[in-house]
Protein backbone atom coordinates (compact mmCIF):
# COMPACT_ATOMS: atom_id res chain seq x y z
CA MET A 1 356.53 -42.03 52.72
CA ILE A 2 353.95 -44.59 51.91
CA ALA A 3 354.44 -46.37 48.58
CA GLU A 4 351.71 -45.15 45.80
CA ARG A 5 350.22 -48.77 45.84
CA SER A 6 349.69 -48.32 49.42
CA LYS A 7 348.29 -45.06 48.93
CA SER A 8 345.71 -46.58 47.01
CA ASP A 9 345.07 -49.36 49.06
CA LEU A 10 344.56 -46.96 51.80
CA LEU A 11 341.99 -45.13 49.91
CA ASP A 12 340.07 -48.49 49.96
CA LEU A 13 340.30 -49.03 54.00
CA ASP A 14 337.60 -48.29 56.16
CA ALA A 15 337.87 -46.16 59.07
CA SER A 16 338.10 -49.04 61.47
CA SER A 17 341.08 -50.36 59.97
CA ILE A 18 342.81 -47.15 59.26
CA ALA A 19 342.49 -46.41 63.36
CA GLN A 20 344.12 -49.98 63.86
CA HIS A 21 346.90 -49.25 61.32
CA ILE A 22 347.72 -46.11 63.14
CA ARG A 23 347.66 -47.61 66.75
CA ALA A 24 350.01 -50.28 65.49
CA GLY A 25 352.52 -47.76 63.86
CA ARG A 26 352.15 -49.31 60.58
CA ILE A 27 350.95 -45.88 58.97
CA SER A 28 350.98 -42.14 60.68
CA SER A 29 347.72 -40.30 61.02
CA TYR A 30 349.80 -37.71 58.90
CA GLU A 31 350.55 -40.05 56.03
CA ALA A 32 346.64 -40.84 56.24
CA THR A 33 345.17 -37.45 56.21
CA LYS A 34 347.81 -36.09 53.66
CA THR A 35 346.93 -38.88 51.31
CA TYR A 36 343.10 -38.43 51.65
CA ILE A 37 343.65 -34.45 50.96
CA GLN A 38 345.42 -35.13 47.86
CA HIS A 39 343.16 -37.70 46.64
CA ILE A 40 340.32 -34.93 47.18
CA LYS A 41 342.53 -32.24 45.34
CA HIS A 42 342.68 -34.88 42.26
CA MET A 43 339.00 -35.74 42.09
CA ASN A 44 337.06 -32.88 43.69
CA GLU A 45 336.90 -30.79 40.81
CA ARG A 46 334.84 -33.45 38.81
CA ILE A 47 332.46 -34.81 41.58
CA ASN A 48 332.22 -31.33 43.59
CA CYS A 49 331.47 -33.53 46.67
CA LEU A 50 333.77 -31.56 49.48
CA VAL A 51 332.46 -27.84 49.70
CA GLU A 52 334.15 -26.99 52.72
CA GLU A 53 338.02 -28.07 53.81
CA ARG A 54 340.06 -27.40 56.75
CA PHE A 55 343.00 -29.44 55.33
CA ASP A 56 345.89 -27.38 56.97
CA GLU A 57 344.07 -27.77 60.31
CA ALA A 58 343.43 -31.39 60.12
CA LEU A 59 347.04 -32.00 58.88
CA ARG A 60 348.32 -30.27 62.31
CA GLU A 61 345.96 -32.31 64.21
CA ALA A 62 347.29 -35.46 62.46
CA LYS A 63 350.72 -34.62 63.59
CA LYS A 64 349.28 -34.00 67.12
CA CYS A 65 347.97 -37.34 66.87
CA ASP A 66 351.59 -38.96 65.77
CA ASN A 67 353.28 -37.20 68.56
CA GLY A 68 350.65 -38.44 71.19
CA LEU A 69 351.11 -41.99 70.14
CA LYS A 70 355.07 -42.04 70.63
CA GLU A 71 354.30 -40.62 73.81
CA GLY A 72 351.61 -43.44 74.44
CA ALA A 73 348.65 -41.15 74.21
CA VAL A 74 346.34 -42.57 72.20
CA LYS A 75 342.64 -41.63 73.03
CA GLY A 76 339.59 -42.76 71.03
CA GLN A 77 338.20 -45.28 68.69
CA LEU A 78 339.11 -43.15 65.57
CA PHE A 79 342.25 -41.86 66.63
CA GLY A 80 343.89 -39.82 63.86
CA VAL A 81 341.47 -41.05 61.32
CA PRO A 82 340.48 -38.13 58.49
CA ILE A 83 336.81 -37.90 58.33
CA ALA A 84 334.27 -35.58 56.87
CA VAL A 85 330.68 -34.46 57.62
CA LYS A 86 327.83 -32.98 55.85
CA ASP A 87 327.37 -29.24 55.46
CA MET A 88 324.47 -29.14 58.11
CA PHE A 89 326.68 -30.14 61.38
CA ASN A 90 328.25 -27.01 62.83
CA VAL A 91 332.05 -27.29 63.15
CA ALA A 92 333.77 -24.49 65.26
CA GLY A 93 335.51 -22.27 62.84
CA MET A 94 333.44 -23.39 59.67
CA ARG A 95 330.53 -22.32 57.89
CA THR A 96 327.39 -24.33 58.27
CA THR A 97 325.49 -23.23 54.97
CA SER A 98 323.16 -25.81 54.30
CA GLY A 99 323.10 -24.51 50.69
CA LEU A 100 321.88 -21.01 51.68
CA VAL A 101 323.49 -18.07 49.85
CA HIS A 102 322.55 -15.81 53.07
CA ARG A 103 324.82 -18.12 55.19
CA ALA A 104 327.56 -18.31 52.95
CA ASN A 105 329.94 -16.26 55.27
CA THR A 106 328.59 -17.21 58.96
CA LEU A 107 331.19 -19.01 60.76
CA GLU A 108 330.21 -21.37 63.56
CA SER A 109 331.94 -20.92 66.89
CA GLU A 110 330.90 -24.31 68.69
CA ASP A 111 330.81 -28.16 67.07
CA SER A 112 327.62 -29.55 66.82
CA GLU A 113 326.84 -32.77 69.46
CA VAL A 114 327.97 -35.46 66.78
CA VAL A 115 331.05 -33.40 66.02
CA ARG A 116 332.03 -33.10 69.51
CA ARG A 117 331.35 -37.19 70.03
CA LEU A 118 333.45 -37.99 66.69
CA LYS A 119 336.51 -35.46 67.91
CA ARG A 120 336.30 -36.90 71.38
CA GLU A 121 336.79 -40.54 69.99
CA GLY A 122 340.16 -38.83 67.79
CA ALA A 123 338.57 -38.39 64.68
CA ILE A 124 340.09 -35.43 62.23
CA ILE A 125 337.69 -33.52 60.13
CA ILE A 126 339.04 -32.71 56.90
CA GLY A 127 336.06 -30.89 55.66
CA LYS A 128 332.13 -30.68 55.00
CA THR A 129 330.08 -32.27 51.99
CA ASN A 130 327.52 -30.54 49.70
CA THR A 131 323.82 -31.21 50.33
CA GLY A 132 320.66 -30.01 48.91
CA VAL A 133 319.24 -26.84 50.32
CA LEU A 134 318.29 -27.32 54.07
CA GLY A 135 317.97 -30.84 53.22
CA LEU A 136 314.50 -30.52 51.39
CA HIS A 137 315.00 -31.75 48.12
CA PHE A 138 316.17 -35.05 46.44
CA GLU A 139 319.50 -34.13 44.99
CA SER A 140 322.89 -32.38 46.06
CA SER A 141 322.61 -28.68 44.82
CA ASN A 142 322.59 -25.28 45.65
CA LYS A 143 323.47 -21.74 44.39
CA ILE A 144 326.63 -21.48 46.61
CA HIS A 145 328.27 -25.03 45.75
CA GLY A 146 326.76 -26.00 42.64
CA THR A 147 325.93 -29.84 41.90
CA THR A 148 327.63 -32.96 43.20
CA ASN A 149 328.03 -35.61 40.54
CA ASN A 150 328.15 -39.41 40.86
CA PRO A 151 331.06 -40.84 40.78
CA TRP A 152 330.23 -43.87 38.84
CA ASP A 153 328.88 -41.65 36.27
CA GLN A 154 329.21 -37.87 36.30
CA SER A 155 326.30 -37.15 34.22
CA ARG A 156 324.10 -38.90 36.95
CA THR A 157 322.88 -37.39 40.54
CA ALA A 158 324.39 -38.31 43.72
CA GLY A 159 321.27 -38.28 45.33
CA GLY A 160 320.40 -36.18 48.19
CA SER A 161 320.54 -34.58 50.56
CA SER A 162 323.39 -36.41 51.66
CA GLY A 163 324.85 -36.67 48.41
CA GLY A 164 327.98 -34.77 48.91
CA CYS A 165 328.79 -37.42 52.03
CA ALA A 166 327.80 -40.83 49.50
CA ALA A 167 329.98 -39.38 46.63
CA LEU A 168 332.97 -38.29 48.62
CA VAL A 169 333.26 -41.98 50.36
CA ALA A 170 332.22 -43.64 46.93
CA SER A 171 335.55 -41.80 45.60
CA GLY A 172 337.42 -42.55 48.64
CA GLY A 173 337.81 -39.12 49.57
CA ALA A 174 337.53 -39.84 53.39
CA ALA A 175 337.42 -43.05 55.64
CA VAL A 176 334.09 -42.42 56.58
CA SER A 177 331.42 -39.52 56.28
CA VAL A 178 328.44 -38.28 58.72
CA GLY A 179 325.13 -37.15 57.15
CA SER A 180 321.32 -36.95 58.00
CA ASP A 181 317.99 -38.49 56.88
CA ILE A 182 314.47 -37.02 57.12
CA PHE A 183 313.03 -38.43 53.80
CA GLY A 184 315.71 -41.10 52.29
CA SER A 185 318.62 -38.49 52.77
CA LEU A 186 321.09 -41.03 53.73
CA ARG A 187 319.64 -44.32 52.16
CA ASN A 188 318.87 -42.88 48.35
CA PRO A 189 322.49 -41.37 48.12
CA ALA A 190 323.90 -44.64 49.53
CA HIS A 191 322.14 -46.71 47.34
CA PHE A 192 322.97 -44.34 44.25
CA ASN A 193 326.95 -44.17 45.05
CA GLY A 194 327.39 -48.09 46.46
CA VAL A 195 328.35 -47.22 49.79
CA ILE A 196 326.88 -48.24 53.23
CA THR A 197 324.90 -46.42 55.60
CA PHE A 198 322.99 -46.30 58.64
CA LYS A 199 319.81 -44.32 59.63
CA CYS A 200 319.30 -44.27 63.48
CA GLY A 201 315.83 -44.54 64.89
CA ALA A 202 313.93 -41.69 66.16
CA TYR A 203 315.59 -39.59 69.31
CA GLN A 204 318.66 -41.92 69.20
CA VAL A 205 321.31 -39.25 68.13
CA SER A 206 321.13 -35.38 69.15
CA ASN A 207 320.52 -32.67 66.42
CA GLU A 208 321.73 -30.49 68.44
CA GLY A 209 324.04 -28.23 66.10
CA HIS A 210 322.13 -29.76 62.92
CA ILE A 211 321.06 -26.89 60.75
CA PRO A 212 317.93 -27.20 60.31
CA SER A 213 317.36 -28.63 64.00
CA PRO A 214 313.69 -30.02 63.67
CA ALA A 215 312.63 -29.42 67.41
CA ALA A 216 309.97 -27.53 67.11
CA TYR A 217 307.52 -30.34 66.39
CA PRO A 218 308.01 -33.98 67.86
CA LEU A 219 306.64 -35.55 64.88
CA GLN A 220 309.45 -34.12 62.59
CA GLU A 221 311.95 -34.56 65.03
CA ALA A 222 311.28 -38.10 65.09
CA MET A 223 311.81 -38.46 61.46
CA LEU A 224 315.06 -37.24 61.49
CA GLY A 225 317.76 -40.09 61.62
CA ILE A 226 321.57 -39.33 61.51
CA GLY A 227 324.40 -41.75 60.97
CA ALA A 228 327.41 -42.84 58.66
CA LEU A 229 327.91 -43.29 55.15
CA SER A 230 330.96 -45.87 55.17
CA LYS A 231 332.98 -48.41 53.57
CA SER A 232 331.99 -51.26 55.72
CA VAL A 233 328.70 -51.86 57.88
CA ALA A 234 331.36 -52.21 60.93
CA ASP A 235 332.08 -48.62 60.20
CA ALA A 236 328.20 -47.56 60.23
CA GLU A 237 327.77 -49.73 63.40
CA LEU A 238 331.21 -47.97 65.11
CA ILE A 239 329.85 -44.49 64.18
CA ASN A 240 326.60 -45.16 65.70
CA SER A 241 328.23 -46.26 69.00
CA ILE A 242 329.95 -43.00 69.22
CA ILE A 243 326.88 -40.79 68.36
CA ALA A 244 323.85 -42.62 69.80
CA ASN A 245 322.77 -41.69 73.19
CA ASN A 246 321.90 -45.45 73.79
CA VAL A 247 324.13 -48.47 73.51
CA PRO A 248 322.10 -50.94 71.51
CA PRO A 249 321.09 -54.22 73.71
CA GLU A 250 322.76 -57.50 72.52
CA VAL A 251 320.06 -59.98 70.37
CA ASN A 252 319.76 -63.65 69.53
CA VAL A 253 319.81 -63.36 65.82
CA ASP A 254 318.80 -66.95 65.77
CA GLU A 255 315.33 -65.97 66.70
CA PHE A 256 314.68 -63.47 64.21
CA ARG A 257 312.62 -63.95 60.88
CA ILE A 258 313.46 -62.06 57.49
CA VAL A 259 310.31 -60.49 55.47
CA ILE A 260 311.33 -59.85 51.97
CA PRO A 261 307.89 -58.77 50.26
CA GLU A 262 307.48 -58.64 46.71
CA PRO A 263 307.66 -54.73 45.82
CA LYS A 264 304.09 -53.35 45.73
CA TYR A 265 305.19 -50.64 43.17
CA LYS A 266 307.08 -50.70 40.17
CA VAL A 267 311.14 -51.21 40.87
CA SER A 268 313.76 -51.69 38.10
CA GLU A 269 314.68 -55.59 36.94
CA GLU A 270 317.87 -55.23 38.59
CA THR A 271 316.08 -54.48 41.78
CA ARG A 272 313.88 -57.20 41.72
CA VAL A 273 317.18 -59.41 40.96
CA ALA A 274 318.51 -58.09 44.24
CA LEU A 275 315.81 -58.84 46.13
CA ASP A 276 315.57 -62.62 44.39
CA ILE A 277 319.34 -63.58 45.16
CA VAL A 278 319.21 -61.76 48.56
CA ARG A 279 315.79 -63.92 49.20
CA THR A 280 317.65 -67.28 47.96
CA TYR A 281 320.86 -66.65 50.09
CA LEU A 282 319.07 -66.07 53.40
CA LYS A 283 316.67 -69.02 52.91
CA GLU A 284 319.55 -71.27 53.55
CA SER A 285 320.08 -70.29 56.91
CA PHE A 286 317.31 -68.27 58.17
CA SER A 287 313.13 -68.04 58.25
CA VAL A 288 312.12 -66.12 55.17
CA GLU A 289 308.70 -64.74 54.76
CA THR A 290 307.59 -63.31 51.28
CA ASN A 291 303.85 -63.55 50.86
CA ILE A 292 303.21 -61.14 53.88
CA ASP A 293 301.34 -58.02 54.19
CA VAL A 294 303.48 -55.35 55.93
CA PRO A 295 301.46 -52.92 58.21
CA HIS A 296 301.28 -49.52 56.65
CA LEU A 297 303.75 -49.95 53.72
CA ASN A 298 301.84 -48.06 51.49
CA PRO A 299 301.15 -44.68 49.98
CA MET A 300 299.40 -43.31 52.64
CA LEU A 301 302.26 -43.49 54.61
CA THR A 302 304.06 -40.86 52.35
CA ILE A 303 301.02 -38.83 52.78
CA ASP A 304 301.47 -38.73 56.46
CA HIS A 305 305.29 -37.77 55.80
CA LEU A 306 304.13 -35.13 53.77
CA GLN A 307 301.52 -34.18 56.46
CA ILE A 308 304.42 -33.97 59.22
CA LEU A 309 306.39 -31.79 56.84
CA SER A 310 304.15 -29.39 56.44
CA ILE A 311 302.78 -28.72 60.06
CA ASP A 312 302.31 -25.05 60.16
CA GLY A 313 303.62 -24.75 56.81
CA GLY A 314 307.30 -25.38 57.70
CA LYS A 315 307.07 -22.35 59.87
CA ASP A 316 310.06 -23.79 62.07
CA VAL A 317 312.52 -23.49 59.37
CA TRP A 318 311.26 -20.33 57.41
CA PRO A 319 313.43 -18.25 59.52
CA ILE A 320 316.79 -20.10 58.54
CA ALA A 321 315.52 -20.59 55.04
CA PHE A 322 314.70 -16.91 54.16
CA ASP A 323 317.01 -14.87 56.68
CA ASN A 324 314.42 -14.17 59.17
CA ASP A 325 311.94 -12.42 56.58
CA GLU A 326 308.62 -13.44 57.56
CA ARG A 327 307.20 -12.24 54.55
CA PHE A 328 309.28 -13.81 51.89
CA PRO A 329 307.34 -14.08 48.62
CA ILE A 330 307.68 -17.81 48.23
CA PHE A 331 305.10 -18.09 45.02
CA ARG A 332 306.74 -15.11 43.23
CA THR A 333 310.39 -16.33 43.81
CA LEU A 334 309.20 -19.86 42.54
CA VAL A 335 307.96 -18.26 39.51
CA GLN A 336 310.98 -16.24 38.78
CA GLU A 337 313.44 -19.37 39.59
CA LEU A 338 311.68 -21.26 37.39
CA VAL A 339 311.50 -19.10 34.45
CA LYS A 340 314.99 -16.77 35.03
CA LYS A 341 316.78 -19.18 37.38
CA ASN A 342 318.04 -16.00 38.80
CA THR A 343 317.06 -16.23 42.41
CA ASP A 344 319.37 -17.46 45.62
CA TYR A 345 317.44 -20.82 45.62
CA ASP A 346 317.21 -24.04 43.70
CA TYR A 347 313.99 -24.62 42.35
CA PHE A 348 313.13 -27.61 43.70
CA PHE A 349 313.65 -26.40 47.45
CA LEU A 350 311.32 -23.48 46.38
CA LYS A 351 308.74 -25.98 45.50
CA THR A 352 308.93 -27.95 48.56
CA MET A 353 308.82 -24.76 50.67
CA ALA A 354 305.59 -23.80 48.54
CA LEU A 355 303.95 -27.04 49.02
CA GLY A 356 304.52 -26.65 52.37
CA LYS A 357 302.58 -23.77 52.76
CA VAL A 358 299.98 -25.28 50.60
CA GLY A 359 299.65 -28.74 52.50
CA THR A 360 298.76 -26.87 55.66
CA VAL A 361 295.72 -25.78 54.10
CA LEU A 362 295.45 -29.07 52.42
CA PHE A 363 295.96 -31.33 55.15
CA GLY A 364 294.93 -29.03 58.08
CA THR A 365 298.33 -29.51 59.78
CA ASN A 366 298.15 -26.20 61.84
CA SER A 367 300.03 -26.86 64.71
CA LYS A 368 296.89 -26.22 66.84
CA LYS A 369 295.09 -28.85 65.31
CA ILE A 370 297.29 -31.53 64.90
CA GLY A 371 296.24 -34.13 67.53
CA GLY A 372 294.58 -36.34 65.30
CA LEU A 373 297.59 -36.95 63.27
CA GLU A 374 299.56 -37.41 66.73
CA ARG A 375 297.28 -40.21 67.47
CA LYS A 376 297.22 -41.74 63.88
CA ILE A 377 301.08 -41.80 63.69
CA ALA A 378 301.27 -43.30 67.10
CA GLU A 379 299.16 -46.16 66.25
CA LYS A 380 301.03 -46.81 63.25
CA ILE A 381 304.34 -46.89 65.28
CA ALA A 382 302.66 -49.23 67.47
CA ASP A 383 301.76 -51.54 64.75
CA ALA A 384 305.18 -51.46 63.08
CA ASN A 385 306.60 -52.36 66.65
CA ARG A 386 304.80 -55.54 67.21
CA PHE A 387 305.16 -56.49 63.55
CA LEU A 388 309.07 -56.08 63.59
CA ASP A 389 309.61 -57.58 66.92
CA LYS A 390 312.30 -60.04 66.04
CA THR A 391 311.79 -59.36 62.28
CA ILE A 392 314.10 -57.69 59.80
CA LEU A 393 312.36 -56.30 56.93
CA LEU A 394 314.14 -56.00 53.44
CA LEU A 395 313.17 -53.29 51.19
CA PRO A 396 314.37 -51.54 47.97
CA SER A 397 316.19 -48.00 48.68
CA TYR A 398 314.88 -46.48 45.66
CA PRO A 399 312.95 -48.32 42.64
CA THR A 400 315.88 -47.47 40.28
CA PRO A 401 319.50 -46.97 39.98
CA ALA A 402 320.69 -43.44 39.88
CA LYS A 403 319.09 -40.81 37.46
CA LYS A 404 320.43 -38.30 35.30
CA HIS A 405 320.91 -34.92 37.23
CA ARG A 406 317.84 -32.81 37.56
CA LYS A 407 315.43 -35.99 36.86
CA LEU A 408 315.17 -37.62 40.19
CA ASP A 409 313.82 -34.48 41.66
CA GLY A 410 311.48 -33.81 38.88
CA GLU A 411 310.25 -37.30 39.11
CA VAL A 412 309.40 -37.21 42.68
CA PHE A 413 308.01 -33.84 42.67
CA SER A 414 306.03 -34.49 39.49
CA ASN A 415 302.46 -33.22 39.32
CA ARG A 416 301.14 -36.83 38.76
CA LEU A 417 302.14 -37.64 42.63
CA GLN A 418 304.90 -39.81 41.95
CA VAL A 419 306.02 -39.42 45.48
CA LEU A 420 303.40 -41.58 46.40
CA THR A 421 304.78 -44.65 44.81
CA LYS A 422 308.72 -43.63 44.74
CA MET A 423 309.05 -42.78 48.50
CA PRO A 424 306.96 -45.31 50.58
CA TYR A 425 310.42 -47.59 50.65
CA THR A 426 312.15 -44.93 52.64
CA SER A 427 309.25 -42.97 54.22
CA TYR A 428 308.48 -45.73 56.06
CA ALA A 429 311.26 -45.66 58.38
CA ASN A 430 311.23 -41.83 58.67
CA VAL A 431 307.51 -41.65 59.59
CA LEU A 432 307.58 -44.86 62.10
CA GLY A 433 311.29 -43.48 63.37
CA LEU A 434 312.85 -46.90 62.75
CA PRO A 435 316.57 -47.88 62.39
CA ALA A 436 317.58 -48.61 58.93
CA LEU A 437 320.46 -50.02 57.32
CA SER A 438 321.60 -49.57 53.50
CA VAL A 439 324.10 -52.20 51.76
CA PRO A 440 324.95 -52.49 48.04
CA ILE A 441 323.80 -55.70 46.54
CA THR A 442 324.58 -55.59 42.86
CA GLU A 443 324.89 -53.17 39.94
CA ASP A 444 323.03 -52.72 36.39
CA LYS A 445 324.45 -53.29 33.32
CA ASP A 446 325.94 -49.49 33.36
CA GLY A 447 327.66 -50.50 36.53
CA LEU A 448 325.32 -48.28 38.66
CA PRO A 449 325.05 -49.57 42.24
CA ILE A 450 321.73 -50.81 43.79
CA SER A 451 321.20 -51.36 47.21
CA LEU A 452 318.59 -52.81 49.63
CA GLN A 453 317.86 -51.45 52.97
CA LEU A 454 316.87 -53.69 56.31
CA ILE A 455 314.78 -52.14 58.83
CA SER A 456 313.68 -53.08 62.15
CA ARG A 457 312.39 -51.50 65.58
CA ILE A 458 314.50 -49.81 67.90
CA GLY A 459 316.61 -52.15 69.94
CA ASN A 460 317.01 -54.37 67.00
CA GLU A 461 320.20 -52.49 65.64
CA LYS A 462 322.78 -55.18 66.48
CA ALA A 463 320.40 -57.88 64.53
CA LEU A 464 320.59 -55.14 61.39
CA PHE A 465 324.44 -55.06 61.58
CA HIS A 466 324.46 -58.51 61.88
CA PHE A 467 322.43 -59.35 58.87
CA GLY A 468 323.84 -56.45 57.08
CA THR A 469 327.08 -57.86 57.42
CA LEU A 470 326.44 -61.24 55.80
CA LEU A 471 325.02 -59.56 52.74
CA GLU A 472 327.93 -57.20 52.83
CA LYS A 473 330.11 -60.29 52.56
CA GLU A 474 327.89 -62.38 50.01
CA PHE A 475 327.48 -59.60 47.53
CA ARG A 476 328.71 -56.60 46.29
CA GLY A 477 329.24 -54.63 49.35
CA TYR A 478 331.55 -51.32 49.17
CA LYS A 479 333.54 -50.74 45.96
CA ARG A 480 335.66 -47.47 45.35
CA ALA A 481 335.02 -45.67 42.00
CA LYS A 482 338.72 -45.84 40.93
CA HIS A 483 338.48 -44.39 37.47
CA ILE A 484 337.91 -40.80 38.25
């Protein structure tokens, strides 16, 4: 049995390191898996990040791995490593609720493509993490599983919609977790919880078996990115190499420039400090530009984002959201939840769906009339790809550290249209289908993490991981919240 100190050290290790230790026989898969499960049982009541567990099955699979190792049958880069996935990815024999009450008892018979690839590399799924309803609001809260707390301050949000993943990894509850991002849903939780994340570029990872699966309209599908929430950049790269359809090409990082513009929109003082110290550090070895106009980094891109989400009023997700009720009374239910809080849906999810309905009329985003929007987005993508050729763009992940519970959704969904100045930093990579890596840089006076994101074009992933590794080693990087 591993010693108590070794157990603590194990919770700090990334997936790559755990896999190496298992292959070398320094620890067993069973010991690693049991240690993580015991830790989850210790802390999850307070953080509420893991909402579906398969502990018994995971331990049986871990023993099978150990027996295979004795026989020389080691298969996969994640052989025997305990990981988690967001409660939007199908796992055979488990529920995929996506935060929906009417899906609470629906078991899936097949793995999603992402889970299939992870299992093929030897990963052991220990459970699924909390999410916002259908991933369509900015905190991880729903009427089935409740609200996920930030492990650095339980009165604060873990973010959404991959907040359960981020909080689990920040708490040391899994070697790595896998989530998804259509409006900052990986990068904001990673920023709030102090973990690393990578969002793939458009169409680089299959969304088959992800609920919802935004495949009805190419514009929407292109905005969805899938990737790891991890303890290291190395793990983010490893997970991407496993789940991505294409292997990123090698690049010469010496040919790259770094663009770190002054924030156009208000950010916290600590976020400005993070930008300044990174700028100073990178200038020592690389070409860094500050006074430069980044194409389309403005509120209009957030408008584009809202237009794309509102195509046909969200008709593609309506059957999943409302259990095939085509006449679901969205506006009446929204008012009922606001006043009585007694519906099956989170208020901000209902507000998102209602705004989608309104947006179809406001933006004219009927699927039969979106040719102009498609052409506009294509032109912006071409502009961004030209700008980002041999370029890494550094931006804030979110303007501030983690907010108190319910404040983030309230802020973004404010009637004063704060979404236009809060979300351009994350909208940029979603609307333009760009890969993005988020790395914790520093902390505020209350110990809340602050991350920056590195963005480039598809094909420059290796450069993102290279520069992300430099920042990870020089600055904060991942730290486990050990006080919980």
